[in-house]
């Protein structure tokens, strides 16, 4: 059966609304576009089952919604990790510890005198050489080295860092992460 001009026109007119609905479901523009395309293909293939005079938009939204949930169920059953990359990334250090550490570090950094804070940020965070930092601060290279050294010592005191074991994952997390990689 041939597709009517009115059906074609209404189908094209519904695309912006379909796309907006698809984006709200998938939270991803590319996936939404694929979902809309699949909806249009299905609607075109099944146009004879559409009852003229009824709400085409509602019919299309139903097709889109059903397609979205079908894809979600299918993705839930699929496992695509033939090279083991995803499996290898399953054991990771929890990010909340890093966020808390960063918050503590920022607080400690704020406790430093301004000249030390400036020096350690230029050297440690911004990646400038001692010479470049000295030029920026308009002081001698030795002065920058001294400020950085004092800033590091003070940060270690504030953060209660006594050695290398105070960095990164704790012993238990390291053991768990090490055993899962084996």
Protein backbone atom coordinates (compact mmCIF):
# COMPACT_ATOMS: atom_id res chain seq x y z
CA UNK A 1 0.00 0.00 0.00
CA UNK A 2 1.32 3.46 -0.91
CA UNK A 3 2.10 6.00 1.80
CA UNK A 4 -0.15 9.07 1.68
CA UNK A 5 1.22 12.60 1.39
CA UNK A 6 -0.52 13.55 4.65
CA UNK A 7 1.22 10.70 6.49
CA UNK A 8 4.62 11.75 5.09
CA UNK A 9 4.03 15.39 6.03
CA UNK A 10 2.86 14.56 9.56
CA UNK A 11 5.75 12.11 10.00
CA UNK A 12 8.30 14.79 9.07
CA UNK A 13 6.54 17.35 11.27
CA UNK A 14 6.85 15.08 14.30
CA UNK A 15 10.65 14.71 14.06
CA UNK A 16 11.58 17.64 16.37
CA UNK A 17 9.23 16.39 19.10
CA UNK A 18 10.46 12.83 18.65
CA UNK A 19 14.07 13.98 18.95
CA UNK A 20 13.36 15.96 22.12
CA UNK A 21 11.67 12.93 23.66
CA UNK A 22 14.51 10.65 22.56
CA UNK A 23 17.12 12.96 24.10
CA UNK A 24 15.19 13.02 27.36
CA UNK A 25 15.12 9.22 27.43
CA UNK A 26 18.66 8.45 26.28
CA UNK A 27 20.49 11.51 27.71
CA UNK A 28 22.72 11.37 24.62
CA UNK A 29 22.19 13.28 21.35
CA UNK A 30 23.79 10.61 19.15
CA UNK A 31 21.76 7.81 20.69
CA UNK A 32 18.65 9.98 20.43
CA UNK A 33 19.23 10.52 16.71
CA UNK A 34 19.62 6.77 16.20
CA UNK A 35 16.45 6.16 18.20
CA UNK A 36 14.47 8.67 16.13
CA UNK A 37 15.79 7.16 12.91
CA UNK A 38 14.80 3.67 14.03
CA UNK A 39 11.36 4.98 15.03
CA UNK A 40 10.83 6.57 11.62
CA UNK A 41 11.90 3.40 9.82
CA UNK A 42 9.52 1.29 11.90
CA UNK A 43 6.68 3.77 11.41
CA UNK A 44 7.29 3.83 7.67
CA UNK A 45 7.35 0.03 7.49
CA UNK A 46 4.16 -0.25 9.58
CA UNK A 47 2.31 2.75 8.14
CA UNK A 48 -0.61 0.54 7.12
CA UNK A 49 -1.29 -0.29 10.79
CA UNK A 50 -1.76 3.40 11.61
CA UNK A 51 -5.43 4.36 11.79
CA UNK A 52 -5.99 7.67 9.93
CA UNK A 53 -7.79 10.17 12.11
CA UNK A 54 -6.04 9.01 15.28
CA UNK A 55 -3.09 10.73 16.95
CA UNK A 56 -0.01 10.07 14.81
CA UNK A 57 2.28 11.78 17.30
CA UNK A 58 1.14 9.50 20.12
CA UNK A 59 1.61 6.47 17.85
CA UNK A 60 5.17 7.59 17.00
CA UNK A 61 6.02 8.31 20.64
CA UNK A 62 4.84 4.82 21.56
CA UNK A 63 7.06 3.29 18.88
CA UNK A 64 10.03 5.38 20.08
CA UNK A 65 9.45 4.50 23.73
CA UNK A 66 9.11 0.80 22.97
CA UNK A 67 12.26 0.89 20.84
CA UNK A 68 14.18 2.65 23.62
CA UNK A 69 13.20 0.04 26.21
CA UNK A 70 13.92 -2.81 23.78
CA UNK A 71 17.41 -1.42 23.23
CA UNK A 72 17.93 -1.03 26.98
CA UNK A 73 16.93 -4.65 27.62
CA UNK A 74 19.20 -5.80 24.80
CA UNK A 75 22.16 -3.79 26.15
CA UNK A 76 21.58 -5.33 29.57
CA UNK A 77 22.19 -8.78 28.11
CA UNK A 78 25.15 -7.84 25.91
CA UNK A 79 28.75 -8.16 26.98
CA UNK A 80 31.29 -6.80 24.55
CA UNK A 81 34.69 -7.23 26.15
CA UNK A 82 36.52 -9.65 23.88
CA UNK A 83 39.93 -8.10 24.60
CA UNK A 84 39.37 -7.85 28.39
CA UNK A 85 39.84 -4.07 28.62
CA UNK A 86 36.58 -3.47 30.50
CA UNK A 87 37.25 -6.32 32.91
CA UNK A 88 40.69 -4.92 33.65
CA UNK A 89 39.16 -1.62 34.69
CA UNK A 90 36.66 -3.08 37.12
CA UNK A 91 38.95 -2.67 40.13
CA UNK A 92 39.66 1.02 40.64
CA UNK A 93 40.51 3.13 43.64
CA UNK A 94 37.32 4.82 44.87
CA UNK A 95 37.12 8.40 43.66
CA UNK A 96 35.58 9.73 46.87
CA UNK A 97 38.94 9.32 48.63
CA UNK A 98 40.61 11.41 45.95
CA UNK A 99 37.96 14.10 46.27
CA UNK A 100 38.40 14.21 50.03
CA UNK A 101 42.19 14.30 49.66
CA UNK A 102 41.88 17.16 47.18
CA UNK A 103 39.62 19.06 49.57
CA UNK A 104 42.13 18.55 52.40
CA UNK A 105 44.98 19.64 50.13
CA UNK A 106 43.18 22.82 49.10
CA UNK A 107 42.53 23.63 52.74
CA UNK A 108 46.19 23.07 53.59
CA UNK A 109 47.29 25.16 50.63
CA UNK A 110 45.17 28.05 51.90
CA UNK A 111 47.06 27.91 55.22
CA UNK A 112 50.40 28.60 53.54
CA UNK A 113 51.81 32.13 53.44
CA UNK A 114 51.03 33.78 50.11
CA UNK A 115 54.64 33.70 48.83
CA UNK A 116 54.99 29.96 49.54
CA UNK A 117 51.57 29.17 48.05
CA UNK A 118 52.44 31.13 44.92
CA UNK A 119 55.81 29.37 44.55
CA UNK A 120 54.46 25.84 45.03
CA UNK A 121 51.60 26.45 42.61
CA UNK A 122 53.96 27.80 39.96
CA UNK A 123 56.37 24.86 40.35
CA UNK A 124 54.09 21.99 41.33
CA UNK A 125 50.79 22.69 39.62
CA UNK A 126 51.67 24.96 36.71
CA UNK A 127 54.85 23.15 35.72
CA UNK A 128 57.15 26.15 35.54
CA UNK A 129 60.87 25.68 36.09
CA UNK A 130 62.49 27.34 39.11
CA UNK A 131 64.03 29.90 36.78
CA UNK A 132 60.68 30.74 35.16
CA UNK A 133 58.97 30.96 38.56
CA UNK A 134 61.74 33.25 39.84
CA UNK A 135 61.24 35.50 36.83
CA UNK A 136 57.46 35.59 37.35
CA UNK A 137 57.88 36.42 41.07
CA UNK A 138 60.73 38.83 40.36
CA UNK A 139 63.10 37.20 42.83
CA UNK A 140 66.21 34.99 42.88
CA UNK A 141 66.04 31.29 41.92
CA UNK A 142 67.30 30.38 45.39
CA UNK A 143 64.41 32.28 46.95
CA UNK A 144 61.89 30.27 44.89
CA UNK A 145 63.61 27.00 45.82
CA UNK A 146 63.49 27.98 49.49
CA UNK A 147 59.80 28.95 49.31
CA UNK A 148 58.90 25.68 47.58
CA UNK A 149 60.88 23.66 50.12
CA UNK A 150 59.23 25.42 53.05
CA UNK A 151 55.79 25.06 51.40
CA UNK A 152 56.30 21.30 50.90
CA UNK A 153 57.42 20.84 54.49
CA UNK A 154 54.50 22.87 55.81
CA UNK A 155 51.99 20.95 53.63
CA UNK A 156 53.38 17.65 54.93
CA UNK A 157 52.93 18.89 58.49
CA UNK A 158 49.39 20.16 57.91
CA UNK A 159 48.33 16.99 56.06
CA UNK A 160 50.23 14.72 58.49
CA UNK A 161 52.20 13.05 55.70
CA UNK A 162 55.18 11.09 56.96
CA UNK A 163 56.21 8.98 53.99
CA UNK A 164 55.41 7.50 50.59
CA UNK A 165 52.86 5.09 52.10
CA UNK A 166 50.60 8.10 52.83
CA UNK A 167 50.04 8.60 49.09
CA UNK A 168 47.59 6.71 46.89
CA UNK A 169 45.50 3.73 47.88
CA UNK A 170 45.93 2.28 51.35
CA UNK A 171 47.46 -1.17 51.86
CA UNK A 172 44.11 -3.00 51.74
CA UNK A 173 42.96 -1.25 48.56
CA UNK A 174 46.36 -1.90 46.94
CA UNK A 175 46.13 -5.59 47.83
CA UNK A 176 42.59 -5.90 46.44
CA UNK A 177 43.48 -4.04 43.27
CA UNK A 178 46.67 -6.07 42.87
CA UNK A 179 44.94 -9.41 43.29
CA UNK A 180 42.20 -8.56 40.78
CA UNK A 181 44.77 -7.74 38.13
CA UNK A 182 46.35 -11.19 38.46
